[in-house]
Every structure is written in C-alpha cells, then in structure tokens.
Amino acid sequence: MKDRLKIEGMMCPHCEARVQEALQAFAEVETAFVSHDTGIAEVTLNSPLSHEKLAAAVESQGYKVLE
C-alpha cells in the first residue's frame, strides 16, 4: 500500500528529515521518501493507516498538507 502527500513549507533537507521522522514513527510505515524540492512525501505502508493520520503527523511538525 502506498500513500502520497503534497506538503507546503519544506525548504531544506532538515525539513525533509523532520517530516520523514514523523512519518516513520508509525509502525505501519515501511518507508517514507520525502523531497523538499518537489514538496512530496511518498509513503509505503505494511498495513493500513489513514491518510488523515499521516497528514496530522506532518502538520504537527509545522507543515501544511495540501492533498
């Protein structure tokens, strides 16, 4: 299973790391690839996890999820 989040506000590799760490904190997340250049996070899940929970984790770090 995969999910994709469009994120606003990431400016640098440090931002990428914060978002990646927040996403990988979930046991259901197998991998998370985050790019500040594209503003996209691509998440591979090993079991179901709602898009809303992933978005909330990103937003808790101070970024806005657009989709």
PDB file of N, CA and C in Angstrom:
ATOM      1  N   MET A   1       0.842  -1.173   0.000  1.00  0.00           N
ATOM      2  CA  MET A   1       0.000   0.000   0.000  1.00  0.00           C
ATOM      3  C   MET A   1       0.887   1.236   0.000  1.00  0.00           C
ATOM      4  N   LYS A   2       0.437   2.221  -0.722  1.00  0.00           N
ATOM      5  CA  LYS A   2       1.191   3.469  -0.814  1.00  0.00           C
ATOM      6  C   LYS A   2       0.269   4.649  -0.566  1.00  0.00           C
ATOM      7  N   ASP A   3       0.870   5.726  -0.093  1.00  0.00           N
ATOM      8  CA  ASP A   3       0.157   6.985   0.077  1.00  0.00           C
ATOM      9  C   ASP A   3       1.105   8.091  -0.348  1.00  0.00           C
ATOM     10  N   ARG A   4       0.536   9.200  -0.772  1.00  0.00           N
ATOM     11  CA  ARG A   4       1.320  10.323  -1.244  1.00  0.00           C
ATOM     12  C   ARG A   4       0.741  11.593  -0.651  1.00  0.00           C
ATOM     13  N   LEU A   5       1.607  12.431  -0.114  1.00  0.00           N
ATOM     14  CA  LEU A   5       1.167  13.683   0.485  1.00  0.00           C
ATOM     15  C   LEU A   5       1.885  14.842  -0.186  1.00  0.00           C
ATOM     16  N   LYS A   6       1.139  15.864  -0.554  1.00  0.00           N
ATOM     17  CA  LYS A   6       1.701  17.106  -1.082  1.00  0.00           C
ATOM     18  C   LYS A   6       1.835  18.040   0.113  1.00  0.00           C
ATOM     19  N   ILE A   7       3.062  18.506   0.367  1.00  0.00           N
ATOM     20  CA  ILE A   7       3.355  19.255   1.580  1.00  0.00           C
ATOM     21  C   ILE A   7       3.880  20.645   1.230  1.00  0.00           C
ATOM     22  N   GLU A   8       3.344  21.627   1.930  1.00  0.00           N
ATOM     23  CA  GLU A   8       3.766  23.011   1.732  1.00  0.00           C
ATOM     24  C   GLU A   8       4.629  23.444   2.917  1.00  0.00           C
ATOM     25  N   GLY A   9       5.727  24.138   2.636  1.00  0.00           N
ATOM     26  CA  GLY A   9       6.527  24.725   3.693  1.00  0.00           C
ATOM     27  C   GLY A   9       7.894  24.104   3.914  1.00  0.00           C
ATOM     28  N   MET A  10       8.193  22.999   3.243  1.00  0.00           N
ATOM     29  CA  MET A  10       9.529  22.401   3.391  1.00  0.00           C
ATOM     30  C   MET A  10      10.515  23.197   2.542  1.00  0.00           C
ATOM     31  N   MET A  11      11.620  23.627   3.162  1.00  0.00           N
ATOM     32  CA  MET A  11      12.570  24.486   2.469  1.00  0.00           C
ATOM     33  C   MET A  11      13.974  23.879   2.305  1.00  0.00           C
ATOM     34  N   CYS A  12      14.270  22.810   3.070  1.00  0.00           N
ATOM     35  CA  CYS A  12      15.646  22.323   3.089  1.00  0.00           C
ATOM     36  C   CYS A  12      15.687  20.845   3.504  1.00  0.00           C
ATOM     37  N   PRO A  13      16.858  20.235   3.441  1.00  0.00           N
ATOM     38  CA  PRO A  13      16.991  18.838   3.871  1.00  0.00           C
ATOM     39  C   PRO A  13      16.597  18.620   5.342  1.00  0.00           C
ATOM     40  N   HIS A  14      16.800  19.621   6.177  1.00  0.00           N
ATOM     41  CA  HIS A  14      16.392  19.499   7.584  1.00  0.00           C
ATOM     42  C   HIS A  14      14.877  19.319   7.660  1.00  0.00           C
ATOM     43  N   CYS A  15      14.133  20.066   6.846  1.00  0.00           N
ATOM     44  CA  CYS A  15      12.672  19.925   6.790  1.00  0.00           C
ATOM     45  C   CYS A  15      12.290  18.501   6.362  1.00  0.00           C
ATOM     46  N   GLU A  16      12.956  18.001   5.340  1.00  0.00           N
ATOM     47  CA  GLU A  16      12.714  16.631   4.866  1.00  0.00           C
ATOM     48  C   GLU A  16      12.887  15.634   6.007  1.00  0.00           C
ATOM     49  N   ALA A  17      13.970  15.796   6.758  1.00  0.00           N
ATOM     50  CA  ALA A  17      14.273  14.864   7.848  1.00  0.00           C
ATOM     51  C   ALA A  17      13.194  14.902   8.929  1.00  0.00           C
ATOM     52  N   ARG A  18      12.699  16.091   9.250  1.00  0.00           N
ATOM     53  CA  ARG A  18      11.647  16.209  10.268  1.00  0.00           C
ATOM     54  C   ARG A  18      10.384  15.493   9.830  1.00  0.00           C
ATOM     55  N   VAL A  19      10.001  15.694   8.576  1.00  0.00           N
ATOM     56  CA  VAL A  19       8.795  15.060   8.054  1.00  0.00           C
ATOM     57  C   VAL A  19       8.990  13.549   7.968  1.00  0.00           C
ATOM     58  N   GLN A  20      10.125  13.124   7.470  1.00  0.00           N
ATOM     59  CA  GLN A  20      10.395  11.688   7.350  1.00  0.00           C
ATOM     60  C   GLN A  20      10.361  11.019   8.720  1.00  0.00           C
ATOM     61  N   GLU A  21      10.962  11.638   9.710  1.00  0.00           N
ATOM     62  CA  GLU A  21      10.964  11.077  11.062  1.00  0.00           C
ATOM     63  C   GLU A  21       9.545  10.971  11.619  1.00  0.00           C
ATOM     64  N   ALA A  22       8.732  12.002  11.385  1.00  0.00           N
ATOM     65  CA  ALA A  22       7.347  11.983  11.870  1.00  0.00           C
ATOM     66  C   ALA A  22       6.550  10.857  11.220  1.00  0.00           C
ATOM     67  N   LEU A  23       6.755  10.642   9.924  1.00  0.00           N
ATOM     68  CA  LEU A  23       6.030   9.588   9.213  1.00  0.00           C
ATOM     69  C   LEU A  23       6.518   8.197   9.634  1.00  0.00           C
ATOM     70  N   GLN A  24       7.815   8.041   9.792  1.00  0.00           N
ATOM     71  CA  GLN A  24       8.361   6.741  10.132  1.00  0.00           C
ATOM     72  C   GLN A  24       8.126   6.359  11.596  1.00  0.00           C
ATOM     73  N   ALA A  25       7.572   7.265  12.375  1.00  0.00           N
ATOM     74  CA  ALA A  25       7.239   6.943  13.768  1.00  0.00           C
ATOM     75  C   ALA A  25       6.081   5.947  13.856  1.00  0.00           C
ATOM     76  N   PHE A  26       5.297   5.835  12.779  1.00  0.00           N
ATOM     77  CA  PHE A  26       4.192   4.872  12.747  1.00  0.00           C
ATOM     78  C   PHE A  26       4.731   3.484  12.411  1.00  0.00           C
ATOM     79  N   ALA A  27       4.295   2.477  13.159  1.00  0.00           N
ATOM     80  CA  ALA A  27       4.718   1.100  12.886  1.00  0.00           C
ATOM     81  C   ALA A  27       4.255   0.636  11.513  1.00  0.00           C
ATOM     82  N   GLU A  28       3.175   1.203  11.022  1.00  0.00           N
ATOM     83  CA  GLU A  28       2.620   0.804   9.725  1.00  0.00           C
ATOM     84  C   GLU A  28       3.441   1.312   8.532  1.00  0.00           C
ATOM     85  N   VAL A  29       4.312   2.281   8.771  1.00  0.00           N
ATOM     86  CA  VAL A  29       5.112   2.867   7.687  1.00  0.00           C
ATOM     87  C   VAL A  29       6.378   2.040   7.490  1.00  0.00           C
ATOM     88  N   GLU A  30       6.480   1.469   6.295  1.00  0.00           N
ATOM     89  CA  GLU A  30       7.662   0.691   5.940  1.00  0.00           C
ATOM     90  C   GLU A  30       8.778   1.625   5.484  1.00  0.00           C
ATOM     91  N   THR A  31       8.459   2.530   4.562  1.00  0.00           N
ATOM     92  CA  THR A  31       9.422   3.531   4.091  1.00  0.00           C
ATOM     93  C   THR A  31       8.703   4.850   3.848  1.00  0.00           C
ATOM     94  N   ALA A  32       9.465   5.924   3.959  1.00  0.00           N
ATOM     95  CA  ALA A  32       8.954   7.252   3.636  1.00  0.00           C
ATOM     96  C   ALA A  32      10.047   8.000   2.894  1.00  0.00           C
ATOM     97  N   PHE A  33       9.746   8.423   1.682  1.00  0.00           N
ATOM     98  CA  PHE A  33      10.679   9.217   0.886  1.00  0.00           C
ATOM     99  C   PHE A  33      10.104  10.622   0.806  1.00  0.00           C
ATOM    100  N   VAL A  34      10.868  11.603   1.262  1.00  0.00           N
ATOM    101  CA  VAL A  34      10.392  12.980   1.339  1.00  0.00           C
ATOM    102  C   VAL A  34      11.340  13.875   0.544  1.00  0.00           C
ATOM    103  N   SER A  35      10.783  14.774  -0.264  1.00  0.00           N
ATOM    104  CA  SER A  35      11.593  15.714  -1.041  1.00  0.00           C
ATOM    105  C   SER A  35      11.104  17.135  -0.827  1.00  0.00           C
ATOM    106  N   HIS A  36      11.996  17.988  -0.346  1.00  0.00           N
ATOM    107  CA  HIS A  36      11.620  19.401  -0.220  1.00  0.00           C
ATOM    108  C   HIS A  36      11.580  20.080  -1.587  1.00  0.00           C
ATOM    109  N   ASP A  37      12.330  19.545  -2.547  1.00  0.00           N
ATOM    110  CA  ASP A  37      12.343  20.116  -3.900  1.00  0.00           C
ATOM    111  C   ASP A  37      10.975  20.006  -4.571  1.00  0.00           C
ATOM    112  N   THR A  38      10.335  18.845  -4.418  1.00  0.00           N
ATOM    113  CA  THR A  38       9.030  18.625  -5.058  1.00  0.00           C
ATOM    114  C   THR A  38       7.869  18.879  -4.108  1.00  0.00           C
ATOM    115  N   GLY A  39       8.148  18.881  -2.789  1.00  0.00           N
ATOM    116  CA  GLY A  39       7.081  19.045  -1.806  1.00  0.00           C
ATOM    117  C   GLY A  39       6.213  17.805  -1.679  1.00  0.00           C
ATOM    118  N   ILE A  40       6.800  16.648  -1.973  1.00  0.00           N
ATOM    119  CA  ILE A  40       6.051  15.388  -1.960  1.00  0.00           C
ATOM    120  C   ILE A  40       6.658  14.418  -0.950  1.00  0.00           C
ATOM    121  N   ALA A  41       5.786  13.718  -0.241  1.00  0.00           N
ATOM    122  CA  ALA A  41       6.194  12.591   0.594  1.00  0.00           C
ATOM    123  C   ALA A  41       5.493  11.355   0.048  1.00  0.00           C
ATOM    124  N   GLU A  42       6.262  10.333  -0.264  1.00  0.00           N
ATOM    125  CA  GLU A  42       5.722   9.063  -0.731  1.00  0.00           C
ATOM    126  C   GLU A  42       5.962   8.028   0.344  1.00  0.00           C
ATOM    127  N   VAL A  43       4.882   7.430   0.817  1.00  0.00           N
ATOM    128  CA  VAL A  43       4.935   6.522   1.953  1.00  0.00           C
ATOM    129  C   VAL A  43       4.497   5.132   1.512  1.00  0.00           C
ATOM    130  N   THR A  44       5.274   4.126   1.889  1.00  0.00           N
ATOM    131  CA  THR A  44       4.915   2.730   1.663  1.00  0.00           C
ATOM    132  C   THR A  44       4.502   2.147   3.009  1.00  0.00           C
ATOM    133  N   LEU A  45       3.314   1.557   3.040  1.00  0.00           N
ATOM    134  CA  LEU A  45       2.748   1.016   4.276  1.00  0.00           C
ATOM    135  C   LEU A  45       2.777  -0.503   4.264  1.00  0.00           C
ATOM    136  N   ASN A  46       3.011  -1.099   5.437  1.00  0.00           N
ATOM    137  CA  ASN A  46       2.966  -2.552   5.547  1.00  0.00           C
ATOM    138  C   ASN A  46       1.620  -3.031   6.093  1.00  0.00           C
ATOM    139  N   SER A  47       0.785  -2.098   6.534  1.00  0.00           N
ATOM    140  CA  SER A  47      -0.593  -2.370   6.943  1.00  0.00           C
ATOM    141  C   SER A  47      -1.372  -1.065   6.871  1.00  0.00           C
ATOM    142  N   PRO A  48      -2.703  -1.116   6.879  1.00  0.00           N
ATOM    143  CA  PRO A  48      -3.499   0.089   6.671  1.00  0.00           C
ATOM    144  C   PRO A  48      -3.250   1.185   7.712  1.00  0.00           C
ATOM    145  N   LEU A  49      -3.197   2.419   7.216  1.00  0.00           N
ATOM    146  CA  LEU A  49      -3.081   3.609   8.054  1.00  0.00           C
ATOM    147  C   LEU A  49      -3.740   4.741   7.277  1.00  0.00           C
ATOM    148  N   SER A  50      -4.584   5.500   7.933  1.00  0.00           N
ATOM    149  CA  SER A  50      -5.350   6.526   7.224  1.00  0.00           C
ATOM    150  C   SER A  50      -4.465   7.686   6.772  1.00  0.00           C
ATOM    151  N   HIS A  51      -4.858   8.263   5.647  1.00  0.00           N
ATOM    152  CA  HIS A  51      -4.193   9.441   5.108  1.00  0.00           C
ATOM    153  C   HIS A  51      -4.260  10.580   6.128  1.00  0.00           C
ATOM    154  N   GLU A  52      -5.366  10.664   6.849  1.00  0.00           N
ATOM    155  CA  GLU A  52      -5.563  11.726   7.831  1.00  0.00           C
ATOM    156  C   GLU A  52      -4.538  11.646   8.960  1.00  0.00           C
ATOM    157  N   LYS A  53      -4.204  10.430   9.401  1.00  0.00           N
ATOM    158  CA  LYS A  53      -3.208  10.274  10.463  1.00  0.00           C
ATOM    159  C   LYS A  53      -1.816  10.674   9.970  1.00  0.00           C
ATOM    160  N   LEU A  54      -1.504  10.303   8.740  1.00  0.00           N
ATOM    161  CA  LEU A  54      -0.221  10.704   8.170  1.00  0.00           C
ATOM    162  C   LEU A  54      -0.150  12.226   8.046  1.00  0.00           C
ATOM    163  N   ALA A  55      -1.221  12.820   7.561  1.00  0.00           N
ATOM    164  CA  ALA A  55      -1.269  14.279   7.403  1.00  0.00           C
ATOM    165  C   ALA A  55      -1.135  14.976   8.751  1.00  0.00           C
ATOM    166  N   ALA A  56      -1.783  14.457   9.768  1.00  0.00           N
ATOM    167  CA  ALA A  56      -1.710  15.056  11.106  1.00  0.00           C
ATOM    168  C   ALA A  56      -0.278  15.012  11.646  1.00  0.00           C
ATOM    169  N   ALA A  57       0.435  13.919  11.373  1.00  0.00           N
ATOM    170  CA  ALA A  57       1.826  13.804  11.827  1.00  0.00           C
ATOM    171  C   ALA A  57       2.699  14.857  11.153  1.00  0.00           C
ATOM    172  N   VAL A  58       2.478  15.074   9.862  1.00  0.00           N
ATOM    173  CA  VAL A  58       3.233  16.093   9.127  1.00  0.00           C
ATOM    174  C   VAL A  58       2.887  17.481   9.656  1.00  0.00           C
ATOM    175  N   GLU A  59       1.610  17.748   9.840  1.00  0.00           N
ATOM    176  CA  GLU A  59       1.178  19.064  10.293  1.00  0.00           C
ATOM    177  C   GLU A  59       1.630  19.352  11.724  1.00  0.00           C
ATOM    178  N   SER A  60       1.828  18.307  12.523  1.00  0.00           N
ATOM    179  CA  SER A  60       2.328  18.506  13.887  1.00  0.00           C
ATOM    180  C   SER A  60       3.771  19.032  13.880  1.00  0.00           C
ATOM    181  N   GLN A  61       4.456  18.901  12.744  1.00  0.00           N
ATOM    182  CA  GLN A  61       5.811  19.399  12.599  1.00  0.00           C
ATOM    183  C   GLN A  61       5.851  20.819  12.035  1.00  0.00           C
ATOM    184  N   GLY A  62       4.670  21.396  11.777  1.00  0.00           N
ATOM    185  CA  GLY A  62       4.605  22.778  11.321  1.00  0.00           C
ATOM    186  C   GLY A  62       4.468  22.970   9.821  1.00  0.00           C
ATOM    187  N   TYR A  63       4.154  21.903   9.097  1.00  0.00           N
ATOM    188  CA  TYR A  63       3.988  21.974   7.647  1.00  0.00           C
ATOM    189  C   TYR A  63       2.518  21.768   7.310  1.00  0.00           C
ATOM    190  N   LYS A  64       2.126  22.201   6.117  1.00  0.00           N
ATOM    191  CA  LYS A  64       0.728  22.055   5.703  1.00  0.00           C
ATOM    192  C   LYS A  64       0.606  20.998   4.613  1.00  0.00           C
ATOM    193  N   VAL A  65      -0.315  20.071   4.811  1.00  0.00           N
ATOM    194  CA  VAL A  65      -0.581  19.040   3.803  1.00  0.00           C
ATOM    195  C   VAL A  65      -1.683  19.566   2.877  1.00  0.00           C
ATOM    196  N   LEU A  66      -1.379  19.605   1.583  1.00  0.00           N
ATOM    197  CA  LEU A  66      -2.313  20.158   0.597  1.00  0.00           C
ATOM    198  C   LEU A  66      -3.237  19.098   0.019  1.00  0.00           C
ATOM    199  N   GLU A  67      -2.780  17.860  -0.083  1.00  0.00           N
ATOM    200  CA  GLU A  67      -3.614  16.785  -0.636  1.00  0.00           C
ATOM    201  C   GLU A  67      -3.222  15.469  -0.058  1.00  0.00           C
TER     202      GLU A  67
END
